[in-house]
Amino acid sequence: MTDTLVAAFAVLGTLALTSLYGLTATAIRKRVSIRSPESKTIDQLVPLVNALIEVQGPQMQGIIAILEAQKGQCNGNVDAALEVNRAAKKKFDEFLITSAKVEL
């Protein structure tokens, strides 16, 4: 009986300590933020990566249209790819211009 009681108190003590540690760690993580130079650089690269991802689809459509045209499949796919690629290029150029502007 006493062994069972000791084991039960040991389990409860372990659970209490683990819960206290978890609460403390969570509270500290919410209040303490470590900002490294790398994280600042990553934050600056996010818009560029997003812009490149947006351009990737139209580029692939253009490549597919070129390959289809080389096989003799000209059914408006080249015109559609040209239109999409021109719009994507315009959007990407606007991104580059706004990113290159110096703000005071």
PDB file of N, CA and C in Angstrom:
ATOM      1  N   MET A   1       0.826  -1.188   0.000  1.00  0.00           N
ATOM      2  CA  MET A   1       0.000   0.000   0.000  1.00  0.00           C
ATOM      3  C   MET A   1       0.872   1.255   0.000  1.00  0.00           C
ATOM      4  N   THR A   2       1.894   1.290   0.845  1.00  0.00           N
ATOM      5  CA  THR A   2       2.755   2.476   0.905  1.00  0.00           C
ATOM      6  C   THR A   2       3.567   2.640  -0.368  1.00  0.00           C
ATOM      7  N   ASP A   3       3.952   1.507  -0.981  1.00  0.00           N
ATOM      8  CA  ASP A   3       4.688   1.605  -2.249  1.00  0.00           C
ATOM      9  C   ASP A   3       3.811   2.229  -3.340  1.00  0.00           C
ATOM     10  N   THR A   4       2.570   1.861  -3.368  1.00  0.00           N
ATOM     11  CA  THR A   4       1.636   2.415  -4.339  1.00  0.00           C
ATOM     12  C   THR A   4       1.413   3.900  -4.089  1.00  0.00           C
ATOM     13  N   LEU A   5       1.319   4.260  -2.810  1.00  0.00           N
ATOM     14  CA  LEU A   5       1.128   5.665  -2.456  1.00  0.00           C
ATOM     15  C   LEU A   5       2.355   6.490  -2.828  1.00  0.00           C
ATOM     16  N   VAL A   6       3.530   5.968  -2.584  1.00  0.00           N
ATOM     17  CA  VAL A   6       4.774   6.664  -2.945  1.00  0.00           C
ATOM     18  C   VAL A   6       4.870   6.811  -4.460  1.00  0.00           C
ATOM     19  N   ALA A   7       4.518   5.767  -5.188  1.00  0.00           N
ATOM     20  CA  ALA A   7       4.560   5.819  -6.657  1.00  0.00           C
ATOM     21  C   ALA A   7       3.568   6.850  -7.178  1.00  0.00           C
ATOM     22  N   ALA A   8       2.393   6.893  -6.566  1.00  0.00           N
ATOM     23  CA  ALA A   8       1.382   7.862  -6.995  1.00  0.00           C
ATOM     24  C   ALA A   8       1.871   9.287  -6.765  1.00  0.00           C
ATOM     25  N   PHE A   9       2.481   9.551  -5.599  1.00  0.00           N
ATOM     26  CA  PHE A   9       3.013  10.889  -5.324  1.00  0.00           C
ATOM     27  C   PHE A   9       4.173  11.225  -6.260  1.00  0.00           C
ATOM     28  N   ALA A  10       4.970  10.227  -6.606  1.00  0.00           N
ATOM     29  CA  ALA A  10       6.081  10.455  -7.532  1.00  0.00           C
ATOM     30  C   ALA A  10       5.557  10.841  -8.913  1.00  0.00           C
ATOM     31  N   VAL A  11       4.519  10.156  -9.359  1.00  0.00           N
ATOM     32  CA  VAL A  11       3.924  10.459 -10.659  1.00  0.00           C
ATOM     33  C   VAL A  11       3.306  11.851 -10.640  1.00  0.00           C
ATOM     34  N   LEU A  12       2.564  12.171  -9.578  1.00  0.00           N
ATOM     35  CA  LEU A  12       1.958  13.497  -9.465  1.00  0.00           C
ATOM     36  C   LEU A  12       3.018  14.594  -9.405  1.00  0.00           C
ATOM     37  N   GLY A  13       4.088  14.342  -8.685  1.00  0.00           N
ATOM     38  CA  GLY A  13       5.182  15.321  -8.607  1.00  0.00           C
ATOM     39  C   GLY A  13       5.838  15.533  -9.957  1.00  0.00           C
ATOM     40  N   THR A  14       6.055  14.441 -10.679  1.00  0.00           N
ATOM     41  CA  THR A  14       6.650  14.537 -12.009  1.00  0.00           C
ATOM     42  C   THR A  14       5.739  15.313 -12.956  1.00  0.00           C
ATOM     43  N   LEU A  15       4.441  15.024 -12.913  1.00  0.00           N
ATOM     44  CA  LEU A  15       3.491  15.746 -13.750  1.00  0.00           C
ATOM     45  C   LEU A  15       3.458  17.232 -13.405  1.00  0.00           C
ATOM     46  N   ALA A  16       3.508  17.543 -12.115  1.00  0.00           N
ATOM     47  CA  ALA A  16       3.482  18.943 -11.688  1.00  0.00           C
ATOM     48  C   ALA A  16       4.729  19.673 -12.174  1.00  0.00           C
ATOM     49  N   LEU A  17       5.898  19.045 -12.018  1.00  0.00           N
ATOM     50  CA  LEU A  17       7.143  19.683 -12.467  1.00  0.00           C
ATOM     51  C   LEU A  17       7.169  19.858 -13.982  1.00  0.00           C
ATOM     52  N   THR A  18       6.704  18.850 -14.707  1.00  0.00           N
ATOM     53  CA  THR A  18       6.676  18.947 -16.165  1.00  0.00           C
ATOM     54  C   THR A  18       5.726  20.054 -16.614  1.00  0.00           C
ATOM     55  N   SER A  19       4.566  20.137 -15.993  1.00  0.00           N
ATOM     56  CA  SER A  19       3.606  21.187 -16.337  1.00  0.00           C
ATOM     57  C   SER A  19       4.161  22.561 -16.021  1.00  0.00           C
ATOM     58  N   LEU A  20       4.815  22.695 -14.871  1.00  0.00           N
ATOM     59  CA  LEU A  20       5.416  23.970 -14.492  1.00  0.00           C
ATOM     60  C   LEU A  20       6.504  24.376 -15.478  1.00  0.00           C
ATOM     61  N   TYR A  21       7.323  23.416 -15.892  1.00  0.00           N
ATOM     62  CA  TYR A  21       8.363  23.703 -16.876  1.00  0.00           C
ATOM     63  C   TYR A  21       7.737  24.140 -18.200  1.00  0.00           C
ATOM     64  N   GLY A  22       6.704  23.439 -18.639  1.00  0.00           N
ATOM     65  CA  GLY A  22       6.044  23.784 -19.898  1.00  0.00           C
ATOM     66  C   GLY A  22       5.436  25.177 -19.856  1.00  0.00           C
ATOM     67  N   LEU A  23       4.769  25.518 -18.770  1.00  0.00           N
ATOM     68  CA  LEU A  23       4.186  26.853 -18.629  1.00  0.00           C
ATOM     69  C   LEU A  23       5.258  27.931 -18.617  1.00  0.00           C
ATOM     70  N   THR A  24       6.344  27.668 -17.908  1.00  0.00           N
ATOM     71  CA  THR A  24       7.438  28.639 -17.839  1.00  0.00           C
ATOM     72  C   THR A  24       8.084  28.833 -19.207  1.00  0.00           C
ATOM     73  N   ALA A  25       8.344  27.739 -19.897  1.00  0.00           N
ATOM     74  CA  ALA A  25       8.976  27.829 -21.219  1.00  0.00           C
ATOM     75  C   ALA A  25       8.075  28.586 -22.199  1.00  0.00           C
ATOM     76  N   THR A  26       6.784  28.323 -22.157  1.00  0.00           N
ATOM     77  CA  THR A  26       5.850  29.020 -23.042  1.00  0.00           C
ATOM     78  C   THR A  26       5.799  30.507 -22.731  1.00  0.00           C
ATOM     79  N   ALA A  27       5.762  30.844 -21.454  1.00  0.00           N
ATOM     80  CA  ALA A  27       5.714  32.256 -21.058  1.00  0.00           C
ATOM     81  C   ALA A  27       6.982  32.982 -21.490  1.00  0.00           C
ATOM     82  N   ILE A  28       8.116  32.350 -21.365  1.00  0.00           N
ATOM     83  CA  ILE A  28       9.387  32.977 -21.760  1.00  0.00           C
ATOM     84  C   ILE A  28       9.433  33.153 -23.279  1.00  0.00           C
ATOM     85  N   ARG A  29       8.994  32.136 -24.030  1.00  0.00           N
ATOM     86  CA  ARG A  29       9.005  32.236 -25.494  1.00  0.00           C
ATOM     87  C   ARG A  29       8.118  33.369 -25.988  1.00  0.00           C
ATOM     88  N   LYS A  30       7.021  33.622 -25.303  1.00  0.00           N
ATOM     89  CA  LYS A  30       6.120  34.695 -25.717  1.00  0.00           C
ATOM     90  C   LYS A  30       6.710  36.071 -25.455  1.00  0.00           C
ATOM     91  N   ARG A  31       7.565  36.169 -24.471  1.00  0.00           N
ATOM     92  CA  ARG A  31       8.081  37.477 -24.067  1.00  0.00           C
ATOM     93  C   ARG A  31       9.489  37.771 -24.593  1.00  0.00           C
ATOM     94  N   VAL A  32      10.249  36.748 -24.892  1.00  0.00           N
ATOM     95  CA  VAL A  32      11.630  36.936 -25.327  1.00  0.00           C
ATOM     96  C   VAL A  32      11.722  36.594 -26.809  1.00  0.00           C
ATOM     97  N   SER A  33      12.252  37.508 -27.586  1.00  0.00           N
ATOM     98  CA  SER A  33      12.426  37.294 -29.012  1.00  0.00           C
ATOM     99  C   SER A  33      13.883  37.546 -29.354  1.00  0.00           C
ATOM    100  N   ILE A  34      14.510  36.577 -29.924  1.00  0.00           N
ATOM    101  CA  ILE A  34      15.912  36.713 -30.321  1.00  0.00           C
ATOM    102  C   ILE A  34      15.926  36.999 -31.817  1.00  0.00           C
ATOM    103  N   ARG A  35      16.404  38.167 -32.172  1.00  0.00           N
ATOM    104  CA  ARG A  35      16.467  38.567 -33.571  1.00  0.00           C
ATOM    105  C   ARG A  35      17.920  38.536 -34.027  1.00  0.00           C
ATOM    106  N   SER A  36      18.210  37.662 -34.925  1.00  0.00           N
ATOM    107  CA  SER A  36      19.565  37.554 -35.443  1.00  0.00           C
ATOM    108  C   SER A  36      19.660  38.300 -36.770  1.00  0.00           C
ATOM    109  N   PRO A  37      20.873  38.616 -37.195  1.00  0.00           N
ATOM    110  CA  PRO A  37      21.033  39.263 -38.506  1.00  0.00           C
ATOM    111  C   PRO A  37      20.499  38.388 -39.642  1.00  0.00           C
ATOM    112  N   GLU A  38      20.591  37.080 -39.462  1.00  0.00           N
ATOM    113  CA  GLU A  38      20.098  36.179 -40.500  1.00  0.00           C
ATOM    114  C   GLU A  38      18.585  36.294 -40.651  1.00  0.00           C
ATOM    115  N   SER A  39      17.874  36.425 -39.537  1.00  0.00           N
ATOM    116  CA  SER A  39      16.415  36.527 -39.641  1.00  0.00           C
ATOM    117  C   SER A  39      16.003  37.830 -40.332  1.00  0.00           C
ATOM    118  N   LYS A  40      16.774  38.894 -40.128  1.00  0.00           N
ATOM    119  CA  LYS A  40      16.484  40.156 -40.812  1.00  0.00           C
ATOM    120  C   LYS A  40      16.688  39.990 -42.318  1.00  0.00           C
ATOM    121  N   THR A  41      17.736  39.294 -42.701  1.00  0.00           N
ATOM    122  CA  THR A  41      18.005  39.045 -44.116  1.00  0.00           C
ATOM    123  C   THR A  41      16.912  38.190 -44.726  1.00  0.00           C
ATOM    124  N   ILE A  42      16.483  37.178 -44.000  1.00  0.00           N
ATOM    125  CA  ILE A  42      15.412  36.310 -44.497  1.00  0.00           C
ATOM    126  C   ILE A  42      14.135  37.118 -44.681  1.00  0.00           C
ATOM    127  N   ASP A  43      13.826  38.003 -43.727  1.00  0.00           N
ATOM    128  CA  ASP A  43      12.634  38.848 -43.857  1.00  0.00           C
ATOM    129  C   ASP A  43      12.701  39.733 -45.096  1.00  0.00           C
ATOM    130  N   GLN A  44      13.904  40.179 -45.443  1.00  0.00           N
ATOM    131  CA  GLN A  44      14.069  41.019 -46.628  1.00  0.00           C
ATOM    132  C   GLN A  44      13.930  40.214 -47.915  1.00  0.00           C
ATOM    133  N   LEU A  45      14.235  38.916 -47.865  1.00  0.00           N
ATOM    134  CA  LEU A  45      14.169  38.082 -49.060  1.00  0.00           C
ATOM    135  C   LEU A  45      12.771  37.544 -49.348  1.00  0.00           C
ATOM    136  N   VAL A  46      11.891  37.596 -48.378  1.00  0.00           N
ATOM    137  CA  VAL A  46      10.547  37.026 -48.556  1.00  0.00           C
ATOM    138  C   VAL A  46       9.813  37.623 -49.756  1.00  0.00           C
ATOM    139  N   PRO A  47       9.770  38.952 -49.942  1.00  0.00           N
ATOM    140  CA  PRO A  47       9.063  39.488 -51.121  1.00  0.00           C
ATOM    141  C   PRO A  47       9.684  39.025 -52.444  1.00  0.00           C
ATOM    142  N   LEU A  48      10.999  38.915 -52.480  1.00  0.00           N
ATOM    143  CA  LEU A  48      11.662  38.464 -53.706  1.00  0.00           C
ATOM    144  C   LEU A  48      11.291  37.018 -54.025  1.00  0.00           C
ATOM    145  N   VAL A  49      11.322  36.170 -53.021  1.00  0.00           N
ATOM    146  CA  VAL A  49      10.963  34.773 -53.241  1.00  0.00           C
ATOM    147  C   VAL A  49       9.510  34.665 -53.716  1.00  0.00           C
ATOM    148  N   ASN A  50       8.629  35.439 -53.104  1.00  0.00           N
ATOM    149  CA  ASN A  50       7.221  35.431 -53.527  1.00  0.00           C
ATOM    150  C   ASN A  50       7.069  35.900 -54.972  1.00  0.00           C
ATOM    151  N   ALA A  51       7.821  36.922 -55.353  1.00  0.00           N
ATOM    152  CA  ALA A  51       7.762  37.416 -56.733  1.00  0.00           C
ATOM    153  C   ALA A  51       8.275  36.362 -57.710  1.00  0.00           C
ATOM    154  N   LEU A  52       9.340  35.676 -57.348  1.00  0.00           N
ATOM    155  CA  LEU A  52       9.880  34.632 -58.225  1.00  0.00           C
ATOM    156  C   LEU A  52       8.906  33.467 -58.357  1.00  0.00           C
ATOM    157  N   ILE A  53       8.219  33.147 -57.280  1.00  0.00           N
ATOM    158  CA  ILE A  53       7.235  32.061 -57.335  1.00  0.00           C
ATOM    159  C   ILE A  53       6.091  32.427 -58.278  1.00  0.00           C
ATOM    160  N   GLU A  54       5.667  33.697 -58.244  1.00  0.00           N
ATOM    161  CA  GLU A  54       4.583  34.134 -59.132  1.00  0.00           C
ATOM    162  C   GLU A  54       4.991  34.086 -60.598  1.00  0.00           C
ATOM    163  N   VAL A  55       6.259  34.286 -60.891  1.00  0.00           N
ATOM    164  CA  VAL A  55       6.738  34.301 -62.276  1.00  0.00           C
ATOM    165  C   VAL A  55       6.977  32.877 -62.798  1.00  0.00           C
ATOM    166  N   GLN A  56       7.195  31.948 -61.891  1.00  0.00           N
ATOM    167  CA  GLN A  56       7.543  30.582 -62.287  1.00  0.00           C
ATOM    168  C   GLN A  56       6.453  29.923 -63.139  1.00  0.00           C
ATOM    169  N   GLY A  57       5.200  30.092 -62.782  1.00  0.00           N
ATOM    170  CA  GLY A  57       4.105  29.474 -63.543  1.00  0.00           C
ATOM    171  C   GLY A  57       4.044  29.944 -64.984  1.00  0.00           C
ATOM    172  N   PRO A  58       4.041  31.268 -65.217  1.00  0.00           N
ATOM    173  CA  PRO A  58       4.046  31.739 -66.605  1.00  0.00           C
ATOM    174  C   PRO A  58       5.273  31.278 -67.398  1.00  0.00           C
ATOM    175  N   GLN A  59       6.417  31.197 -66.745  1.00  0.00           N
ATOM    176  CA  GLN A  59       7.613  30.719 -67.448  1.00  0.00           C
ATOM    177  C   GLN A  59       7.428  29.275 -67.908  1.00  0.00           C
ATOM    178  N   MET A  60       6.867  28.462 -67.030  1.00  0.00           N
ATOM    179  CA  MET A  60       6.635  27.063 -67.399  1.00  0.00           C
ATOM    180  C   MET A  60       5.613  26.960 -68.533  1.00  0.00           C
ATOM    181  N   GLN A  61       4.587  27.801 -68.489  1.00  0.00           N
ATOM    182  CA  GLN A  61       3.598  27.798 -69.564  1.00  0.00           C
ATOM    183  C   GLN A  61       4.269  28.174 -70.886  1.00  0.00           C
ATOM    184  N   GLY A  62       5.180  29.133 -70.840  1.00  0.00           N
ATOM    185  CA  GLY A  62       5.904  29.532 -72.042  1.00  0.00           C
ATOM    186  C   GLY A  62       6.783  28.419 -72.581  1.00  0.00           C
ATOM    187  N   ILE A  63       7.461  27.730 -71.703  1.00  0.00           N
ATOM    188  CA  ILE A  63       8.320  26.621 -72.129  1.00  0.00           C
ATOM    189  C   ILE A  63       7.481  25.512 -72.766  1.00  0.00           C
ATOM    190  N   ILE A  64       6.355  25.198 -72.152  1.00  0.00           N
ATOM    191  CA  ILE A  64       5.477  24.166 -72.706  1.00  0.00           C
ATOM    192  C   ILE A  64       4.978  24.583 -74.087  1.00  0.00           C
ATOM    193  N   ALA A  65       4.599  25.848 -74.243  1.00  0.00           N
ATOM    194  CA  ALA A  65       4.117  26.327 -75.540  1.00  0.00           C
ATOM    195  C   ALA A  65       5.215  26.242 -76.602  1.00  0.00           C
ATOM    196  N   ILE A  66       6.444  26.578 -76.214  1.00  0.00           N
ATOM    197  CA  ILE A  66       7.562  26.481 -77.164  1.00  0.00           C
ATOM    198  C   ILE A  66       7.762  25.042 -77.602  1.00  0.00           C
ATOM    199  N   LEU A  67       7.746  24.120 -76.638  1.00  0.00           N
ATOM    200  CA  LEU A  67       7.947  22.717 -76.978  1.00  0.00           C
ATOM    201  C   LEU A  67       6.800  22.170 -77.826  1.00  0.00           C
ATOM    202  N   GLU A  68       5.567  22.589 -77.514  1.00  0.00           N
ATOM    203  CA  GLU A  68       4.431  22.153 -78.331  1.00  0.00           C
ATOM    204  C   GLU A  68       4.537  22.715 -79.747  1.00  0.00           C
ATOM    205  N   ALA A  69       4.955  23.969 -79.871  1.00  0.00           N
ATOM    206  CA  ALA A  69       5.095  24.580 -81.192  1.00  0.00           C
ATOM    207  C   ALA A  69       6.173  23.868 -82.008  1.00  0.00           C
ATOM    208  N   GLN A  70       7.234  23.429 -81.328  1.00  0.00           N
ATOM    209  CA  GLN A  70       8.280  22.695 -82.048  1.00  0.00           C
ATOM    210  C   GLN A  70       7.774  21.347 -82.550  1.00  0.00           C
ATOM    211  N   LYS A  71       6.776  20.802 -81.878  1.00  0.00           N
ATOM    212  CA  LYS A  71       6.181  19.548 -82.328  1.00  0.00           C
ATOM    213  C   LYS A  71       5.077  19.786 -83.351  1.00  0.00           C
ATOM    214  N   GLY A  72       4.764  21.057 -83.612  1.00  0.00           N
ATOM    215  CA  GLY A  72       3.762  21.376 -84.613  1.00  0.00           C
ATOM    216  C   GLY A  72       2.388  21.661 -84.043  1.00  0.00           C
ATOM    217  N   GLN A  73       2.255  21.766 -82.744  1.00  0.00           N
ATOM    218  CA  GLN A  73       0.958  22.041 -82.127  1.00  0.00           C
ATOM    219  C   GLN A  73       0.814  23.546 -81.906  1.00  0.00           C
ATOM    220  N   CYS A  74       0.250  24.211 -82.875  1.00  0.00           N
ATOM    221  CA  CYS A  74       0.014  25.655 -82.759  1.00  0.00           C
ATOM    222  C   CYS A  74      -1.491  25.890 -82.765  1.00  0.00           C
ATOM    223  N   ASN A  75      -2.062  25.930 -81.577  1.00  0.00           N
ATOM    224  CA  ASN A  75      -3.506  26.076 -81.453  1.00  0.00           C
ATOM    225  C   ASN A  75      -3.853  27.250 -80.537  1.00  0.00           C
ATOM    226  N   GLY A  76      -3.055  28.286 -80.616  1.00  0.00           N
ATOM    227  CA  GLY A  76      -3.286  29.436 -79.746  1.00  0.00           C
ATOM    228  C   GLY A  76      -2.492  29.368 -78.455  1.00  0.00           C
ATOM    229  N   ASN A  77      -1.807  28.243 -78.247  1.00  0.00           N
ATOM    230  CA  ASN A  77      -1.034  28.096 -77.017  1.00  0.00           C
ATOM    231  C   ASN A  77       0.131  29.074 -76.943  1.00  0.00           C
ATOM    232  N   VAL A  78       0.754  29.357 -78.067  1.00  0.00           N
ATOM    233  CA  VAL A  78       1.885  30.293 -78.071  1.00  0.00           C
ATOM    234  C   VAL A  78       1.398  31.709 -77.783  1.00  0.00           C
ATOM    235  N   ASP A  79       0.290  32.088 -78.393  1.00  0.00           N
ATOM    236  CA  ASP A  79      -0.269  33.424 -78.135  1.00  0.00           C
ATOM    237  C   ASP A  79      -0.663  33.583 -76.668  1.00  0.00           C
ATOM    238  N   ALA A  80      -1.286  32.546 -76.113  1.00  0.00           N
ATOM    239  CA  ALA A  80      -1.690  32.600 -74.705  1.00  0.00           C
ATOM    240  C   ALA A  80      -0.463  32.685 -73.797  1.00  0.00           C
ATOM    241  N   ALA A  81       0.563  31.913 -74.121  1.00  0.00           N
ATOM    242  CA  ALA A  81       1.786  31.933 -73.315  1.00  0.00           C
ATOM    243  C   ALA A  81       2.469  33.291 -73.410  1.00  0.00           C
ATOM    244  N   LEU A  82       2.482  33.874 -74.603  1.00  0.00           N
ATOM    245  CA  LEU A  82       3.073  35.206 -74.765  1.00  0.00           C
ATOM    246  C   LEU A  82       2.336  36.237 -73.911  1.00  0.00           C
ATOM    247  N   GLU A  83       1.020  36.180 -73.932  1.00  0.00           N
ATOM    248  CA  GLU A  83       0.225  37.132 -73.161  1.00  0.00           C
ATOM    249  C   GLU A  83       0.484  36.983 -71.656  1.00  0.00           C
ATOM    250  N   VAL A  84       0.501  35.753 -71.179  1.00  0.00           N
ATOM    251  CA  VAL A  84       0.729  35.499 -69.756  1.00  0.00           C
ATOM    252  C   VAL A  84       2.145  35.916 -69.364  1.00  0.00           C
ATOM    253  N   ASN A  85       3.122  35.607 -70.209  1.00  0.00           N
ATOM    254  CA  ASN A  85       4.512  35.953 -69.890  1.00  0.00           C
ATOM    255  C   ASN A  85       4.735  37.456 -69.911  1.00  0.00           C
ATOM    256  N   ARG A  86       4.091  38.149 -70.835  1.00  0.00           N
ATOM    257  CA  ARG A  86       4.234  39.614 -70.863  1.00  0.00           C
ATOM    258  C   ARG A  86       3.648  40.246 -69.599  1.00  0.00           C
ATOM    259  N   ALA A  87       2.504  39.736 -69.156  1.00  0.00           N
ATOM    260  CA  ALA A  87       1.891  40.253 -67.924  1.00  0.00           C
ATOM    261  C   ALA A  87       2.764  39.947 -66.713  1.00  0.00           C
ATOM    262  N   ALA A  88       3.322  38.736 -66.668  1.00  0.00           N
ATOM    263  CA  ALA A  88       4.191  38.361 -65.546  1.00  0.00           C
ATOM    264  C   ALA A  88       5.461  39.200 -65.546  1.00  0.00           C
ATOM    265  N   LYS A  89       6.024  39.450 -66.732  1.00  0.00           N
ATOM    266  CA  LYS A  89       7.237  40.272 -66.808  1.00  0.00           C
ATOM    267  C   LYS A  89       6.957  41.692 -66.341  1.00  0.00           C
ATOM    268  N   LYS A  90       5.816  42.229 -66.754  1.00  0.00           N
ATOM    269  CA  LYS A  90       5.455  43.584 -66.335  1.00  0.00           C
ATOM    270  C   LYS A  90       5.318  43.654 -64.805  1.00  0.00           C
ATOM    271  N   LYS A  91       4.659  42.661 -64.237  1.00  0.00           N
ATOM    272  CA  LYS A  91       4.477  42.627 -62.782  1.00  0.00           C
ATOM    273  C   LYS A  91       5.826  42.485 -62.070  1.00  0.00           C
ATOM    274  N   PHE A  92       6.704  41.624 -62.602  1.00  0.00           N
ATOM    275  CA  PHE A  92       8.011  41.428 -61.979  1.00  0.00           C
ATOM    276  C   PHE A  92       8.877  42.676 -62.121  1.00  0.00           C
ATOM    277  N   ASP A  93       8.793  43.346 -63.272  1.00  0.00           N
ATOM    278  CA  ASP A  93       9.544  44.598 -63.453  1.00  0.00           C
ATOM    279  C   ASP A  93       9.077  45.666 -62.470  1.00  0.00           C
ATOM    280  N   GLU A  94       7.761  45.734 -62.249  1.00  0.00           N
ATOM    281  CA  GLU A  94       7.237  46.692 -61.260  1.00  0.00           C
ATOM    282  C   GLU A  94       7.761  46.369 -59.859  1.00  0.00           C
ATOM    283  N   PHE A  95       7.832  45.071 -59.537  1.00  0.00           N
ATOM    284  CA  PHE A  95       8.386  44.667 -58.248  1.00  0.00           C
ATOM    285  C   PHE A  95       9.837  45.109 -58.126  1.00  0.00           C
ATOM    286  N   LEU A  96      10.627  44.899 -59.180  1.00  0.00           N
ATOM    287  CA  LEU A  96      12.038  45.272 -59.137  1.00  0.00           C
ATOM    288  C   LEU A  96      12.190  46.793 -58.968  1.00  0.00           C
ATOM    289  N   ILE A  97      11.375  47.563 -59.656  1.00  0.00           N
ATOM    290  CA  ILE A  97      11.468  49.011 -59.561  1.00  0.00           C
ATOM    291  C   ILE A  97      11.112  49.483 -58.149  1.00  0.00           C
ATOM    292  N   THR A  98      10.027  48.953 -57.597  1.00  0.00           N
ATOM    293  CA  THR A  98       9.636  49.381 -56.248  1.00  0.00           C
ATOM    294  C   THR A  98      10.632  48.911 -55.200  1.00  0.00           C
ATOM    295  N   SER A  99      11.267  47.771 -55.438  1.00  0.00           N
ATOM    296  CA  SER A  99      12.254  47.270 -54.478  1.00  0.00           C
ATOM    297  C   SER A  99      13.543  48.070 -54.534  1.00  0.00           C
ATOM    298  N   ALA A 100      13.852  48.606 -55.704  1.00  0.00           N
ATOM    299  CA  ALA A 100      15.108  49.331 -55.867  1.00  0.00           C
ATOM    300  C   ALA A 100      15.016  50.777 -55.401  1.00  0.00           C
ATOM    301  N   LYS A 101      13.813  51.282 -55.169  1.00  0.00           N
ATOM    302  CA  LYS A 101      13.654  52.665 -54.743  1.00  0.00           C
ATOM    303  C   LYS A 101      14.231  52.865 -53.350  1.00  0.00           C
ATOM    304  N   VAL A 102      14.882  53.979 -53.204  1.00  0.00           N
ATOM    305  CA  VAL A 102      15.465  54.347 -51.906  1.00  0.00           C
ATOM    306  C   VAL A 102      14.472  55.179 -51.147  1.00  0.00           C
ATOM    307  N   GLU A 103      14.153  54.751 -49.931  1.00  0.00           N
ATOM    308  CA  GLU A 103      13.228  55.495 -49.108  1.00  0.00           C
ATOM    309  C   GLU A 103      13.985  56.209 -48.002  1.00  0.00           C
ATOM    310  N   LEU A 104      13.667  57.457 -47.812  1.00  0.00           N
ATOM    311  CA  LEU A 104      14.331  58.246 -46.766  1.00  0.00           C
ATOM    312  C   LEU A 104      13.458  58.377 -45.557  1.00  0.00           C
TER     313      LEU A 104
END
